[in-house]
Amino acid sequence: MARPIKETPTLYGADARRFEQMIANPKPASREEKERIRRTYEAMKAIATFPVL
């Protein structure tokens, strides 16, 4: 049987400000990172099989 999921802790002070700033100004992904993600996606798509209902 699975254990219950704990509540997410609330951020306060500097941690909360840093989190809000990171969410408001996301760092763009590099071209290399996008290419790595695309290759991984294509590899997973190639091996995925789903039954037709």
C-alpha atoms as a PDB file:
ATOM      1  CA  MET A   1       0.000   0.000   0.000  1.00  0.00           C
ATOM      2  CA  ALA A   2       1.314   3.456  -0.904  1.00  0.00           C
ATOM      3  CA  ARG A   3       2.253   5.990   1.725  1.00  0.00           C
ATOM      4  CA  PRO A   4       0.265   9.253   1.779  1.00  0.00           C
ATOM      5  CA  ILE A   5       1.819  12.261   0.072  1.00  0.00           C
ATOM      6  CA  LYS A   6       2.931  14.944   2.521  1.00  0.00           C
ATOM      7  CA  GLU A   7       1.827  18.540   2.109  1.00  0.00           C
ATOM      8  CA  THR A   8       4.139  20.840   0.167  1.00  0.00           C
ATOM      9  CA  PRO A   9       5.909  23.173   2.583  1.00  0.00           C
ATOM     10  CA  THR A  10       5.168  26.910   2.326  1.00  0.00           C
ATOM     11  CA  LEU A  11       8.087  29.168   1.394  1.00  0.00           C
ATOM     12  CA  TYR A  12       8.768  32.312   3.405  1.00  0.00           C
ATOM     13  CA  GLY A  13      11.187  35.222   3.225  1.00  0.00           C
ATOM     14  CA  ALA A  14      14.165  35.074   0.883  1.00  0.00           C
ATOM     15  CA  ASP A  15      13.254  31.584  -0.340  1.00  0.00           C
ATOM     16  CA  ALA A  16       9.798  32.780  -1.422  1.00  0.00           C
ATOM     17  CA  ARG A  17      11.215  35.865  -3.182  1.00  0.00           C
ATOM     18  CA  ARG A  18      13.850  33.766  -4.984  1.00  0.00           C
ATOM     19  CA  PHE A  19      11.198  31.246  -6.095  1.00  0.00           C
ATOM     20  CA  GLU A  20       8.892  33.991  -7.417  1.00  0.00           C
ATOM     21  CA  GLN A  21      11.793  35.571  -9.310  1.00  0.00           C
ATOM     22  CA  MET A  22      12.774  32.235 -10.861  1.00  0.00           C
ATOM     23  CA  ILE A  23       9.167  31.610 -11.976  1.00  0.00           C
ATOM     24  CA  ALA A  24       8.787  35.135 -13.410  1.00  0.00           C
ATOM     25  CA  ASN A  25      12.109  34.999 -15.326  1.00  0.00           C
ATOM     26  CA  PRO A  26      12.746  31.449 -16.553  1.00  0.00           C
ATOM     27  CA  LYS A  27      16.165  30.706 -18.021  1.00  0.00           C
ATOM     28  CA  PRO A  28      15.818  29.841 -21.731  1.00  0.00           C
ATOM     29  CA  ALA A  29      16.893  26.361 -22.791  1.00  0.00           C
ATOM     30  CA  SER A  30      20.041  26.173 -24.884  1.00  0.00           C
ATOM     31  CA  ARG A  31      20.027  24.787 -28.419  1.00  0.00           C
ATOM     32  CA  GLU A  32      21.970  21.729 -27.206  1.00  0.00           C
ATOM     33  CA  GLU A  33      19.466  21.057 -24.424  1.00  0.00           C
ATOM     34  CA  LYS A  34      16.541  21.314 -26.857  1.00  0.00           C
ATOM     35  CA  GLU A  35      18.270  18.904 -29.240  1.00  0.00           C
ATOM     36  CA  ARG A  36      18.954  16.436 -26.404  1.00  0.00           C
ATOM     37  CA  ILE A  37      15.295  16.576 -25.364  1.00  0.00           C
ATOM     38  CA  ARG A  38      14.144  16.064 -28.957  1.00  0.00           C
ATOM     39  CA  ARG A  39      16.418  13.020 -29.422  1.00  0.00           C
ATOM     40  CA  THR A  40      15.153  11.512 -26.167  1.00  0.00           C
ATOM     41  CA  TYR A  41      11.542  12.113 -27.207  1.00  0.00           C
ATOM     42  CA  GLU A  42      12.116  10.474 -30.600  1.00  0.00           C
ATOM     43  CA  ALA A  43      13.780   7.462 -28.931  1.00  0.00           C
ATOM     44  CA  MET A  44      10.869   6.993 -26.516  1.00  0.00           C
ATOM     45  CA  LYS A  45       8.331   7.424 -29.317  1.00  0.00           C
ATOM     46  CA  ALA A  46      10.107   4.745 -31.359  1.00  0.00           C
ATOM     47  CA  ILE A  47       9.872   2.111 -28.617  1.00  0.00           C
ATOM     48  CA  ALA A  48       6.395   2.999 -27.301  1.00  0.00           C
ATOM     49  CA  THR A  49       3.580   0.621 -28.178  1.00  0.00           C
ATOM     50  CA  PHE A  50       0.013   1.062 -27.055  1.00  0.00           C
ATOM     51  CA  PRO A  51      -2.839  -1.416 -27.516  1.00  0.00           C
ATOM     52  CA  VAL A  52      -5.664  -0.310 -29.779  1.00  0.00           C
ATOM     53  CA  LEU A  53      -8.993  -0.546 -28.004  1.00  0.00           C
END
